[in-house]
Amino acid sequence: MERSPKHVRATLGGAYVVDSAEVRLVWVDRPYPAYWFPDADVRADLLPAGAVRTSPGLPGLVGVDWGAVDQWYEEDEPVYVHARDPCTRVDVLASSRHVVVELDGVRLAESGQPRVLFETGLPPRFYLPARDARLDLLRPSATTTMCPYKGTATYLDAVVNGVTHRDLVWCYPAPFAESQKIAGLLCFYPDRARLVVDGIDQST
């Protein structure tokens, strides 16, 4: 557990149900933290039954289920998916590495101008300009996901040799400020396609 210097709030039905400048970040059973607050900073009477939790190890503090509110905020900025980890950093660096992506013998992308995203605790991700991908083999997907550090991702299916590979590619059309360098670039799942960087297979 550590103290956060951020002012954290949450809204439900247009009302603030959490409003605290005495926030604790608590790591329990996941690699990212959860917010805990002094019980006086939480309007338990406005929250659904069971949304507020306590712990014998955290006297005077309460946690609030993430999905029990409409929106979380750090200061005045929305927070998505889960509380941000202050020890997680995202760096996006321009690179001249040679990146090739293949699937079932078909080359889906080849680029010498990737952007490499380094995120604490995760392997590097290679984001490629769309002009360097076989866009004729990619189809928009209805899938979207959210990341607390990068924003909302959209997905593309790949159609290779008549087979559709669902959500093989993701893209952040309008990422958060710290990840702006990957805006509109494409990233392929290395565990579902063959990713070769400077002649070395990076597939997992």
N, C-alpha and C. Protein backbone atom coordinates (compact mmCIF):
# COMPACT_ATOMS: atom_id res chain seq x y z
N MET A 1 0.84 -1.19 0.00
CA MET A 1 0.00 0.00 0.00
C MET A 1 0.87 1.24 0.00
N GLU A 2 0.44 2.27 -0.75
CA GLU A 2 1.11 3.55 -0.69
C GLU A 2 0.10 4.67 -0.87
N ARG A 3 0.46 5.82 -0.39
CA ARG A 3 -0.42 6.98 -0.51
C ARG A 3 -0.28 7.60 -1.90
N SER A 4 -1.40 7.99 -2.50
CA SER A 4 -1.39 8.66 -3.79
C SER A 4 -1.57 10.16 -3.58
N PRO A 5 -0.81 10.99 -4.31
CA PRO A 5 -0.98 12.44 -4.18
C PRO A 5 -2.14 12.97 -5.02
N LYS A 6 -2.81 12.10 -5.77
CA LYS A 6 -3.86 12.53 -6.68
C LYS A 6 -5.21 12.66 -5.98
N HIS A 7 -5.99 13.62 -6.45
CA HIS A 7 -7.39 13.76 -6.01
C HIS A 7 -8.22 12.84 -6.88
N VAL A 8 -8.90 11.89 -6.26
CA VAL A 8 -9.68 10.89 -7.00
C VAL A 8 -11.16 11.07 -6.69
N ARG A 9 -11.95 11.06 -7.75
CA ARG A 9 -13.40 11.17 -7.60
C ARG A 9 -14.08 10.14 -8.48
N ALA A 10 -15.34 9.87 -8.18
CA ALA A 10 -16.16 8.98 -9.01
C ALA A 10 -17.58 9.50 -9.00
N THR A 11 -18.26 9.33 -10.14
CA THR A 11 -19.64 9.79 -10.26
C THR A 11 -20.56 8.61 -10.53
N LEU A 12 -21.79 8.77 -10.08
CA LEU A 12 -22.85 7.80 -10.36
C LEU A 12 -24.15 8.58 -10.48
N GLY A 13 -24.80 8.47 -11.62
CA GLY A 13 -26.06 9.17 -11.81
C GLY A 13 -25.94 10.68 -11.68
N GLY A 14 -24.77 11.22 -12.05
CA GLY A 14 -24.56 12.66 -12.00
C GLY A 14 -24.11 13.20 -10.65
N ALA A 15 -24.00 12.33 -9.64
CA ALA A 15 -23.57 12.76 -8.31
C ALA A 15 -22.20 12.18 -8.00
N TYR A 16 -21.40 12.93 -7.22
CA TYR A 16 -20.13 12.40 -6.76
C TYR A 16 -20.36 11.43 -5.62
N VAL A 17 -19.93 10.20 -5.81
CA VAL A 17 -20.07 9.19 -4.77
C VAL A 17 -18.73 8.91 -4.09
N VAL A 18 -17.64 9.35 -4.73
CA VAL A 18 -16.31 9.32 -4.13
C VAL A 18 -15.66 10.66 -4.39
N ASP A 19 -15.07 11.24 -3.36
CA ASP A 19 -14.37 12.53 -3.51
C ASP A 19 -13.29 12.57 -2.44
N SER A 20 -12.05 12.28 -2.84
CA SER A 20 -11.01 12.09 -1.84
C SER A 20 -9.66 12.61 -2.29
N ALA A 21 -8.99 13.29 -1.40
CA ALA A 21 -7.59 13.68 -1.59
C ALA A 21 -6.69 12.90 -0.64
N GLU A 22 -7.25 11.86 -0.02
CA GLU A 22 -6.50 11.00 0.92
C GLU A 22 -6.53 9.57 0.42
N VAL A 23 -6.10 9.39 -0.80
CA VAL A 23 -6.24 8.11 -1.49
C VAL A 23 -5.09 7.18 -1.16
N ARG A 24 -5.40 5.91 -1.00
CA ARG A 24 -4.39 4.88 -0.87
C ARG A 24 -4.46 3.97 -2.08
N LEU A 25 -3.31 3.61 -2.62
CA LEU A 25 -3.22 2.60 -3.66
C LEU A 25 -2.84 1.28 -3.00
N VAL A 26 -3.68 0.28 -3.20
CA VAL A 26 -3.50 -0.99 -2.52
C VAL A 26 -3.39 -2.11 -3.55
N TRP A 27 -2.30 -2.87 -3.49
CA TRP A 27 -2.09 -4.05 -4.33
C TRP A 27 -2.56 -5.27 -3.54
N VAL A 28 -3.56 -5.96 -4.07
CA VAL A 28 -4.09 -7.11 -3.34
C VAL A 28 -3.81 -8.39 -4.12
N ASP A 29 -4.59 -8.64 -5.16
CA ASP A 29 -4.49 -9.91 -5.89
C ASP A 29 -4.24 -9.70 -7.37
N ARG A 30 -3.86 -8.48 -7.79
CA ARG A 30 -3.63 -8.18 -9.19
C ARG A 30 -2.34 -7.36 -9.33
N PRO A 31 -1.76 -7.35 -10.54
CA PRO A 31 -0.50 -6.60 -10.71
C PRO A 31 -0.67 -5.09 -10.75
N TYR A 32 -1.89 -4.61 -10.66
CA TYR A 32 -2.15 -3.18 -10.61
C TYR A 32 -2.93 -2.86 -9.34
N PRO A 33 -2.90 -1.61 -8.89
CA PRO A 33 -3.51 -1.28 -7.61
C PRO A 33 -5.00 -1.01 -7.70
N ALA A 34 -5.65 -0.96 -6.54
CA ALA A 34 -7.03 -0.51 -6.40
C ALA A 34 -7.03 0.72 -5.49
N TYR A 35 -7.99 1.59 -5.72
CA TYR A 35 -8.14 2.75 -4.83
C TYR A 35 -8.82 2.33 -3.53
N TRP A 36 -8.32 2.86 -2.42
CA TRP A 36 -9.01 2.78 -1.14
C TRP A 36 -9.05 4.19 -0.55
N PHE A 37 -10.13 4.45 0.20
CA PHE A 37 -10.39 5.81 0.67
C PHE A 37 -10.80 5.81 2.14
N PRO A 38 -10.61 6.93 2.84
CA PRO A 38 -11.26 7.08 4.15
C PRO A 38 -12.77 6.92 3.97
N ASP A 39 -13.41 6.21 4.87
CA ASP A 39 -14.83 5.92 4.67
C ASP A 39 -15.68 7.19 4.58
N ALA A 40 -15.21 8.30 5.18
CA ALA A 40 -15.97 9.55 5.11
C ALA A 40 -15.97 10.16 3.71
N ASP A 41 -15.07 9.70 2.85
CA ASP A 41 -14.98 10.25 1.49
C ASP A 41 -15.81 9.48 0.47
N VAL A 42 -16.56 8.50 0.94
CA VAL A 42 -17.37 7.66 0.06
C VAL A 42 -18.83 7.73 0.48
N ARG A 43 -19.71 8.02 -0.48
CA ARG A 43 -21.15 8.07 -0.22
C ARG A 43 -21.73 6.68 -0.41
N ALA A 44 -21.54 5.84 0.59
CA ALA A 44 -22.01 4.46 0.50
C ALA A 44 -23.51 4.39 0.33
N ASP A 45 -24.23 5.41 0.83
CA ASP A 45 -25.68 5.41 0.72
C ASP A 45 -26.18 5.58 -0.72
N LEU A 46 -25.30 6.08 -1.62
CA LEU A 46 -25.69 6.28 -3.01
C LEU A 46 -25.19 5.17 -3.93
N LEU A 47 -24.43 4.23 -3.37
CA LEU A 47 -23.85 3.15 -4.16
C LEU A 47 -24.68 1.88 -4.04
N PRO A 48 -24.61 1.00 -5.05
CA PRO A 48 -25.36 -0.27 -4.97
C PRO A 48 -24.90 -1.11 -3.78
N ALA A 49 -25.80 -1.93 -3.31
CA ALA A 49 -25.47 -2.83 -2.20
C ALA A 49 -24.29 -3.71 -2.59
N GLY A 50 -23.33 -3.82 -1.69
CA GLY A 50 -22.16 -4.66 -1.92
C GLY A 50 -21.04 -4.00 -2.68
N ALA A 51 -21.24 -2.74 -3.12
CA ALA A 51 -20.21 -2.06 -3.91
C ALA A 51 -19.05 -1.57 -3.05
N VAL A 52 -19.32 -1.36 -1.76
CA VAL A 52 -18.28 -0.86 -0.85
C VAL A 52 -17.76 -2.03 -0.02
N ARG A 53 -16.44 -2.14 0.04
CA ARG A 53 -15.85 -3.25 0.78
C ARG A 53 -14.87 -2.74 1.83
N THR A 54 -14.68 -3.55 2.84
CA THR A 54 -13.74 -3.22 3.92
C THR A 54 -12.75 -4.36 4.07
N SER A 55 -11.69 -4.10 4.81
CA SER A 55 -10.69 -5.13 5.09
C SER A 55 -10.15 -4.94 6.50
N PRO A 56 -10.01 -6.03 7.26
CA PRO A 56 -9.46 -5.90 8.61
C PRO A 56 -8.06 -5.30 8.60
N GLY A 57 -7.33 -5.48 7.51
CA GLY A 57 -5.98 -4.96 7.42
C GLY A 57 -5.91 -3.50 7.03
N LEU A 58 -7.06 -2.89 6.72
CA LEU A 58 -7.11 -1.49 6.30
C LEU A 58 -8.16 -0.75 7.12
N PRO A 59 -7.92 -0.61 8.41
CA PRO A 59 -8.93 0.03 9.27
C PRO A 59 -9.18 1.48 8.85
N GLY A 60 -10.46 1.84 8.82
CA GLY A 60 -10.84 3.20 8.49
C GLY A 60 -10.90 3.49 7.00
N LEU A 61 -10.52 2.49 6.18
CA LEU A 61 -10.52 2.67 4.74
C LEU A 61 -11.55 1.75 4.09
N VAL A 62 -12.05 2.19 2.93
CA VAL A 62 -12.98 1.36 2.17
C VAL A 62 -12.57 1.36 0.71
N GLY A 63 -12.91 0.29 0.03
CA GLY A 63 -12.73 0.19 -1.41
C GLY A 63 -14.09 0.23 -2.09
N VAL A 64 -14.11 0.63 -3.35
CA VAL A 64 -15.35 0.69 -4.13
C VAL A 64 -15.15 -0.10 -5.41
N ASP A 65 -16.07 -1.00 -5.71
CA ASP A 65 -15.96 -1.80 -6.93
C ASP A 65 -15.89 -0.88 -8.14
N TRP A 66 -14.95 -1.18 -9.02
CA TRP A 66 -14.70 -0.30 -10.18
C TRP A 66 -15.96 -0.08 -11.02
N GLY A 67 -16.68 -1.15 -11.29
CA GLY A 67 -17.83 -1.06 -12.18
C GLY A 67 -19.10 -0.54 -11.53
N ALA A 68 -19.04 -0.21 -10.25
CA ALA A 68 -20.24 0.26 -9.56
C ALA A 68 -20.54 1.73 -9.82
N VAL A 69 -19.61 2.44 -10.46
CA VAL A 69 -19.81 3.86 -10.72
C VAL A 69 -19.82 4.10 -12.23
N ASP A 70 -20.25 5.31 -12.62
CA ASP A 70 -20.29 5.65 -14.05
C ASP A 70 -18.92 6.05 -14.57
N GLN A 71 -18.16 6.79 -13.77
CA GLN A 71 -16.87 7.30 -14.24
C GLN A 71 -15.95 7.59 -13.07
N TRP A 72 -14.69 7.20 -13.22
CA TRP A 72 -13.63 7.54 -12.27
C TRP A 72 -12.80 8.68 -12.83
N TYR A 73 -12.25 9.49 -11.92
CA TYR A 73 -11.38 10.60 -12.31
C TYR A 73 -10.16 10.66 -11.41
N GLU A 74 -8.99 10.92 -11.99
CA GLU A 74 -7.82 11.38 -11.26
C GLU A 74 -7.66 12.85 -11.60
N GLU A 75 -7.73 13.70 -10.57
CA GLU A 75 -7.89 15.14 -10.80
C GLU A 75 -9.13 15.31 -11.68
N ASP A 76 -9.03 15.96 -12.84
CA ASP A 76 -10.20 16.11 -13.71
C ASP A 76 -10.11 15.26 -14.97
N GLU A 77 -9.20 14.28 -14.98
CA GLU A 77 -9.01 13.42 -16.14
C GLU A 77 -9.68 12.07 -15.90
N PRO A 78 -10.49 11.60 -16.87
CA PRO A 78 -11.11 10.28 -16.71
C PRO A 78 -10.05 9.17 -16.62
N VAL A 79 -10.37 8.15 -15.85
CA VAL A 79 -9.53 6.96 -15.74
C VAL A 79 -10.37 5.77 -16.16
N TYR A 80 -9.78 4.88 -16.95
CA TYR A 80 -10.51 3.75 -17.50
C TYR A 80 -9.88 2.42 -17.08
N VAL A 81 -10.71 1.41 -16.95
CA VAL A 81 -10.35 0.00 -16.74
C VAL A 81 -9.93 -0.29 -15.30
N HIS A 82 -8.93 0.41 -14.79
CA HIS A 82 -8.50 0.23 -13.40
C HIS A 82 -7.61 1.40 -13.01
N ALA A 83 -7.30 1.49 -11.72
CA ALA A 83 -6.43 2.57 -11.24
C ALA A 83 -5.07 2.47 -11.90
N ARG A 84 -4.49 3.61 -12.24
CA ARG A 84 -3.16 3.61 -12.84
C ARG A 84 -2.11 3.29 -11.79
N ASP A 85 -1.13 2.51 -12.22
CA ASP A 85 -0.01 2.15 -11.36
C ASP A 85 1.07 3.22 -11.50
N PRO A 86 1.47 3.90 -10.43
CA PRO A 86 2.50 4.93 -10.55
C PRO A 86 3.86 4.38 -10.96
N CYS A 87 4.03 3.05 -10.86
CA CYS A 87 5.30 2.45 -11.26
C CYS A 87 5.29 1.96 -12.71
N THR A 88 4.17 2.15 -13.41
CA THR A 88 4.08 1.75 -14.81
C THR A 88 4.37 2.96 -15.69
N ARG A 89 5.25 2.75 -16.66
CA ARG A 89 5.63 3.81 -17.58
C ARG A 89 5.45 3.31 -19.01
N VAL A 90 5.01 4.21 -19.88
CA VAL A 90 4.89 3.91 -21.30
C VAL A 90 5.83 4.83 -22.07
N ASP A 91 6.75 4.23 -22.81
CA ASP A 91 7.65 4.98 -23.69
C ASP A 91 7.41 4.52 -25.12
N VAL A 92 7.26 5.45 -26.04
CA VAL A 92 7.12 5.13 -27.45
C VAL A 92 8.30 5.75 -28.19
N LEU A 93 9.10 4.91 -28.83
CA LEU A 93 10.32 5.37 -29.48
C LEU A 93 10.31 5.06 -30.97
N ALA A 94 10.70 6.05 -31.77
CA ALA A 94 10.89 5.81 -33.20
C ALA A 94 12.07 4.86 -33.39
N SER A 95 11.97 4.00 -34.39
CA SER A 95 13.01 2.99 -34.59
C SER A 95 13.21 2.75 -36.09
N SER A 96 14.39 2.23 -36.43
CA SER A 96 14.66 1.83 -37.81
C SER A 96 14.80 0.31 -37.92
N ARG A 97 14.34 -0.41 -36.90
CA ARG A 97 14.39 -1.87 -36.98
C ARG A 97 13.52 -2.36 -38.16
N HIS A 98 13.94 -3.47 -38.73
CA HIS A 98 13.21 -4.07 -39.85
C HIS A 98 12.23 -5.09 -39.29
N VAL A 99 10.94 -4.84 -39.49
CA VAL A 99 9.89 -5.68 -38.90
C VAL A 99 9.09 -6.33 -40.01
N VAL A 100 8.90 -7.64 -39.89
CA VAL A 100 8.09 -8.41 -40.85
C VAL A 100 7.04 -9.19 -40.06
N VAL A 101 5.81 -9.16 -40.56
CA VAL A 101 4.73 -9.94 -39.95
C VAL A 101 4.18 -10.88 -41.01
N GLU A 102 4.13 -12.18 -40.70
CA GLU A 102 3.64 -13.18 -41.63
C GLU A 102 2.63 -14.09 -40.94
N LEU A 103 1.73 -14.63 -41.75
CA LEU A 103 0.75 -15.58 -41.23
C LEU A 103 0.43 -16.59 -42.32
N ASP A 104 0.63 -17.86 -41.99
CA ASP A 104 0.35 -18.95 -42.94
C ASP A 104 1.03 -18.71 -44.29
N GLY A 105 2.28 -18.23 -44.25
CA GLY A 105 3.05 -18.05 -45.46
C GLY A 105 2.77 -16.77 -46.21
N VAL A 106 1.89 -15.92 -45.70
CA VAL A 106 1.53 -14.66 -46.36
C VAL A 106 2.11 -13.51 -45.56
N ARG A 107 2.80 -12.60 -46.22
CA ARG A 107 3.37 -11.43 -45.56
C ARG A 107 2.27 -10.37 -45.37
N LEU A 108 1.98 -10.06 -44.12
CA LEU A 108 0.92 -9.10 -43.80
C LEU A 108 1.46 -7.68 -43.67
N ALA A 109 2.73 -7.55 -43.28
CA ALA A 109 3.31 -6.21 -43.11
C ALA A 109 4.82 -6.32 -43.15
N GLU A 110 5.44 -5.24 -43.60
CA GLU A 110 6.90 -5.12 -43.58
C GLU A 110 7.24 -3.64 -43.46
N SER A 111 8.05 -3.30 -42.47
CA SER A 111 8.34 -1.89 -42.23
C SER A 111 9.74 -1.69 -41.69
N GLY A 112 10.33 -0.58 -42.07
CA GLY A 112 11.60 -0.15 -41.48
C GLY A 112 11.43 1.10 -40.65
N GLN A 113 10.16 1.43 -40.34
CA GLN A 113 9.87 2.62 -39.55
C GLN A 113 8.84 2.34 -38.46
N PRO A 114 9.09 1.32 -37.63
CA PRO A 114 8.14 1.05 -36.55
C PRO A 114 8.26 2.08 -35.44
N ARG A 115 7.24 2.12 -34.62
CA ARG A 115 7.31 2.78 -33.32
C ARG A 115 7.27 1.65 -32.30
N VAL A 116 8.24 1.65 -31.40
CA VAL A 116 8.32 0.58 -30.40
C VAL A 116 7.77 1.11 -29.09
N LEU A 117 6.75 0.43 -28.58
CA LEU A 117 6.13 0.84 -27.32
C LEU A 117 6.67 -0.05 -26.20
N PHE A 118 7.30 0.58 -25.23
CA PHE A 118 7.82 -0.12 -24.05
C PHE A 118 6.92 0.22 -22.87
N GLU A 119 6.29 -0.80 -22.32
CA GLU A 119 5.41 -0.61 -21.16
C GLU A 119 5.90 -1.50 -20.03
N THR A 120 6.03 -0.93 -18.85
CA THR A 120 6.58 -1.64 -17.70
C THR A 120 5.93 -3.01 -17.52
N GLY A 121 6.76 -4.03 -17.45
CA GLY A 121 6.28 -5.38 -17.18
C GLY A 121 5.78 -6.14 -18.39
N LEU A 122 5.81 -5.52 -19.58
CA LEU A 122 5.31 -6.17 -20.78
C LEU A 122 6.40 -6.19 -21.86
N PRO A 123 6.32 -7.14 -22.80
CA PRO A 123 7.31 -7.14 -23.89
C PRO A 123 7.10 -5.94 -24.80
N PRO A 124 8.13 -5.52 -25.53
CA PRO A 124 7.97 -4.42 -26.48
C PRO A 124 6.92 -4.76 -27.53
N ARG A 125 6.18 -3.73 -27.94
CA ARG A 125 5.18 -3.90 -29.00
C ARG A 125 5.59 -3.04 -30.19
N PHE A 126 5.51 -3.61 -31.37
CA PHE A 126 5.94 -2.93 -32.59
C PHE A 126 4.72 -2.43 -33.35
N TYR A 127 4.58 -1.12 -33.40
CA TYR A 127 3.46 -0.48 -34.10
C TYR A 127 3.96 -0.01 -35.47
N LEU A 128 3.22 -0.39 -36.52
CA LEU A 128 3.67 -0.17 -37.88
C LEU A 128 2.75 0.80 -38.61
N PRO A 129 3.31 1.64 -39.50
CA PRO A 129 2.46 2.50 -40.32
C PRO A 129 1.51 1.66 -41.17
N ALA A 130 0.28 2.14 -41.31
CA ALA A 130 -0.71 1.39 -42.09
C ALA A 130 -0.26 1.20 -43.54
N ARG A 131 0.51 2.15 -44.07
CA ARG A 131 0.97 2.03 -45.47
C ARG A 131 1.91 0.85 -45.67
N ASP A 132 2.47 0.32 -44.57
CA ASP A 132 3.40 -0.81 -44.66
C ASP A 132 2.70 -2.15 -44.43
N ALA A 133 1.38 -2.13 -44.34
CA ALA A 133 0.62 -3.37 -44.12
C ALA A 133 -0.23 -3.70 -45.34
N ARG A 134 -0.58 -4.95 -45.48
CA ARG A 134 -1.46 -5.40 -46.56
C ARG A 134 -2.90 -5.06 -46.16
N LEU A 135 -3.30 -3.84 -46.41
CA LEU A 135 -4.63 -3.40 -46.01
C LEU A 135 -5.72 -4.14 -46.78
N ASP A 136 -5.38 -4.68 -47.94
CA ASP A 136 -6.37 -5.45 -48.70
C ASP A 136 -6.74 -6.75 -48.01
N LEU A 137 -5.91 -7.17 -47.04
CA LEU A 137 -6.20 -8.40 -46.30
C LEU A 137 -6.79 -8.14 -44.93
N LEU A 138 -7.00 -6.87 -44.58
CA LEU A 138 -7.50 -6.52 -43.25
C LEU A 138 -8.92 -5.96 -43.35
N ARG A 139 -9.74 -6.31 -42.38
CA ARG A 139 -11.13 -5.89 -42.34
C ARG A 139 -11.45 -5.31 -40.97
N PRO A 140 -12.18 -4.21 -40.90
CA PRO A 140 -12.53 -3.64 -39.58
C PRO A 140 -13.35 -4.63 -38.76
N SER A 141 -13.07 -4.66 -37.48
CA SER A 141 -13.80 -5.48 -36.52
C SER A 141 -14.64 -4.57 -35.63
N ALA A 142 -15.67 -5.13 -35.04
CA ALA A 142 -16.51 -4.36 -34.11
C ALA A 142 -15.91 -4.32 -32.71
N THR A 143 -14.82 -5.04 -32.48
CA THR A 143 -14.24 -5.13 -31.14
C THR A 143 -13.54 -3.84 -30.74
N THR A 144 -13.72 -3.44 -29.50
CA THR A 144 -12.94 -2.36 -28.90
C THR A 144 -12.53 -2.78 -27.49
N THR A 145 -11.39 -2.29 -27.05
CA THR A 145 -10.95 -2.49 -25.67
C THR A 145 -10.39 -1.17 -25.16
N MET A 146 -10.19 -1.09 -23.85
CA MET A 146 -9.66 0.13 -23.27
C MET A 146 -8.45 -0.17 -22.41
N CYS A 147 -7.51 0.75 -22.41
CA CYS A 147 -6.30 0.66 -21.60
C CYS A 147 -6.18 1.93 -20.78
N PRO A 148 -5.87 1.83 -19.49
CA PRO A 148 -5.76 3.05 -18.67
C PRO A 148 -4.59 3.93 -19.05
N TYR A 149 -3.63 3.41 -19.82
CA TYR A 149 -2.44 4.18 -20.19
C TYR A 149 -2.45 4.63 -21.65
N LYS A 150 -3.21 3.93 -22.51
CA LYS A 150 -3.16 4.24 -23.94
C LYS A 150 -4.49 4.72 -24.51
N GLY A 151 -5.61 4.31 -23.93
CA GLY A 151 -6.91 4.75 -24.41
C GLY A 151 -7.73 3.62 -25.00
N THR A 152 -8.52 3.94 -26.03
CA THR A 152 -9.43 2.97 -26.65
C THR A 152 -8.81 2.39 -27.92
N ALA A 153 -8.76 1.07 -27.97
CA ALA A 153 -8.22 0.37 -29.14
C ALA A 153 -9.35 -0.16 -30.00
N THR A 154 -9.17 -0.04 -31.32
CA THR A 154 -10.04 -0.71 -32.27
C THR A 154 -9.27 -1.88 -32.88
N TYR A 155 -9.98 -2.77 -33.56
CA TYR A 155 -9.35 -4.00 -34.04
C TYR A 155 -9.64 -4.25 -35.51
N LEU A 156 -8.80 -5.08 -36.11
CA LEU A 156 -8.95 -5.50 -37.50
C LEU A 156 -8.83 -7.02 -37.57
N ASP A 157 -9.67 -7.63 -38.39
CA ASP A 157 -9.51 -9.04 -38.71
C ASP A 157 -8.57 -9.16 -39.90
N ALA A 158 -7.89 -10.28 -39.99
CA ALA A 158 -7.06 -10.58 -41.16
C ALA A 158 -7.66 -11.76 -41.91
N VAL A 159 -7.78 -11.63 -43.22
CA VAL A 159 -8.29 -12.72 -44.05
C VAL A 159 -7.13 -13.27 -44.87
N VAL A 160 -6.67 -14.46 -44.52
CA VAL A 160 -5.49 -15.07 -45.14
C VAL A 160 -5.85 -16.44 -45.68
N ASN A 161 -5.63 -16.64 -46.96
CA ASN A 161 -5.92 -17.92 -47.61
C ASN A 161 -7.36 -18.36 -47.35
N GLY A 162 -8.27 -17.39 -47.36
CA GLY A 162 -9.69 -17.68 -47.18
C GLY A 162 -10.13 -17.87 -45.74
N VAL A 163 -9.20 -17.76 -44.79
CA VAL A 163 -9.52 -17.94 -43.37
C VAL A 163 -9.49 -16.58 -42.67
N THR A 164 -10.53 -16.30 -41.89
CA THR A 164 -10.60 -15.04 -41.15
C THR A 164 -10.01 -15.22 -39.75
N HIS A 165 -9.02 -14.42 -39.44
CA HIS A 165 -8.38 -14.44 -38.12
C HIS A 165 -8.89 -13.22 -37.36
N ARG A 166 -9.78 -13.46 -36.43
CA ARG A 166 -10.48 -12.38 -35.74
C ARG A 166 -9.53 -11.56 -34.86
N ASP A 167 -9.68 -10.25 -34.98
CA ASP A 167 -9.00 -9.31 -34.08
C ASP A 167 -7.50 -9.58 -33.99
N LEU A 168 -6.89 -9.81 -35.13
CA LEU A 168 -5.45 -10.09 -35.16
C LEU A 168 -4.61 -8.83 -34.96
N VAL A 169 -5.20 -7.69 -35.29
CA VAL A 169 -4.48 -6.41 -35.29
C VAL A 169 -5.23 -5.42 -34.43
N TRP A 170 -4.48 -4.60 -33.68
CA TRP A 170 -5.15 -3.52 -32.96
C TRP A 170 -4.51 -2.17 -33.28
N CYS A 171 -5.26 -1.12 -32.98
CA CYS A 171 -4.85 0.23 -33.33
C CYS A 171 -5.48 1.20 -32.34
N TYR A 172 -4.74 2.24 -31.97
CA TYR A 172 -5.28 3.31 -31.14
C TYR A 172 -5.46 4.56 -32.01
N PRO A 173 -6.66 4.81 -32.52
CA PRO A 173 -6.86 5.98 -33.39
C PRO A 173 -6.61 7.31 -32.69
N ALA A 174 -6.95 7.39 -31.42
CA ALA A 174 -6.79 8.65 -30.67
C ALA A 174 -6.29 8.33 -29.27
N PRO A 175 -5.03 7.93 -29.13
CA PRO A 175 -4.51 7.53 -27.82
C PRO A 175 -4.34 8.71 -26.88
N PHE A 176 -4.14 8.39 -25.61
CA PHE A 176 -3.85 9.42 -24.61
C PHE A 176 -2.54 10.12 -24.94
N ALA A 177 -2.32 11.26 -24.30
CA ALA A 177 -1.19 12.12 -24.62
C ALA A 177 0.15 11.38 -24.58
N GLU A 178 0.34 10.52 -23.57
CA GLU A 178 1.64 9.87 -23.41
C GLU A 178 1.90 8.82 -24.49
N SER A 179 0.86 8.48 -25.27
CA SER A 179 1.03 7.46 -26.30
C SER A 179 0.70 8.00 -27.70
N GLN A 180 0.75 9.29 -27.89
CA GLN A 180 0.36 9.89 -29.16
C GLN A 180 1.17 9.37 -30.35
N LYS A 181 2.39 8.94 -30.12
CA LYS A 181 3.23 8.49 -31.23
C LYS A 181 2.72 7.22 -31.90
N ILE A 182 1.77 6.50 -31.26
CA ILE A 182 1.24 5.29 -31.90
C ILE A 182 -0.11 5.55 -32.56
N ALA A 183 -0.56 6.79 -32.60
CA ALA A 183 -1.88 7.09 -33.17
C ALA A 183 -1.98 6.58 -34.60
N GLY A 184 -2.99 5.75 -34.85
CA GLY A 184 -3.25 5.26 -36.19
C GLY A 184 -2.33 4.15 -36.67
N LEU A 185 -1.36 3.74 -35.86
CA LEU A 185 -0.45 2.67 -36.25
C LEU A 185 -1.05 1.30 -35.91
N LEU A 186 -0.53 0.27 -36.57
CA LEU A 186 -1.07 -1.08 -36.43
C LEU A 186 -0.11 -1.98 -35.66
N CYS A 187 -0.66 -2.79 -34.77
CA CYS A 187 0.14 -3.75 -34.01
C CYS A 187 -0.48 -5.13 -34.14
N PHE A 188 0.35 -6.13 -34.42
CA PHE A 188 -0.10 -7.50 -34.66
C PHE A 188 0.22 -8.36 -33.44
N TYR A 189 -0.71 -9.25 -33.09
CA TYR A 189 -0.46 -10.16 -31.98
C TYR A 189 0.70 -11.10 -32.30
N PRO A 190 1.80 -11.05 -31.54
CA PRO A 190 2.95 -11.92 -31.85
C PRO A 190 2.73 -13.38 -31.49
N ASP A 191 1.66 -13.68 -30.74
CA ASP A 191 1.37 -15.07 -30.42
C ASP A 191 0.41 -15.70 -31.44
N ARG A 192 -0.04 -14.87 -32.42
CA ARG A 192 -0.98 -15.39 -33.42
C ARG A 192 -0.45 -15.23 -34.84
N ALA A 193 0.59 -14.46 -35.00
CA ALA A 193 1.25 -14.30 -36.29
C ALA A 193 2.76 -14.38 -36.05
N ARG A 194 3.52 -14.55 -37.13
CA ARG A 194 4.98 -14.62 -36.99
C ARG A 194 5.54 -13.20 -37.09
N LEU A 195 6.20 -12.76 -36.03
CA LEU A 195 6.79 -11.43 -35.96
C LEU A 195 8.31 -11.58 -35.98
N VAL A 196 8.93 -11.01 -37.01
CA VAL A 196 10.39 -11.10 -37.16
C VAL A 196 10.96 -9.69 -37.12
N VAL A 197 11.89 -9.46 -36.19
CA VAL A 197 12.49 -8.14 -36.02
C VAL A 197 13.99 -8.27 -36.25
N ASP A 198 14.50 -7.57 -37.27
CA ASP A 198 15.91 -7.65 -37.63
C ASP A 198 16.37 -9.10 -37.79
N GLY A 199 15.51 -9.90 -38.41
CA GLY A 199 15.85 -11.29 -38.71
C GLY A 199 15.65 -12.26 -37.57
N ILE A 200 15.20 -11.77 -36.41
CA ILE A 200 15.00 -12.64 -35.25
C ILE A 200 13.51 -12.81 -34.98
N ASP A 201 13.08 -14.06 -34.90
CA ASP A 201 11.66 -14.36 -34.66
C ASP A 201 11.28 -13.96 -33.24
N GLN A 202 10.31 -13.06 -33.12
CA GLN A 202 9.85 -12.59 -31.82
C GLN A 202 8.54 -13.22 -31.39
N SER A 203 8.02 -14.13 -32.17
CA SER A 203 6.72 -14.72 -31.90
C SER A 203 6.75 -15.46 -30.57
N THR A 204 5.61 -15.42 -29.88
CA THR A 204 5.53 -16.07 -28.55
C THR A 204 4.56 -17.24 -28.58
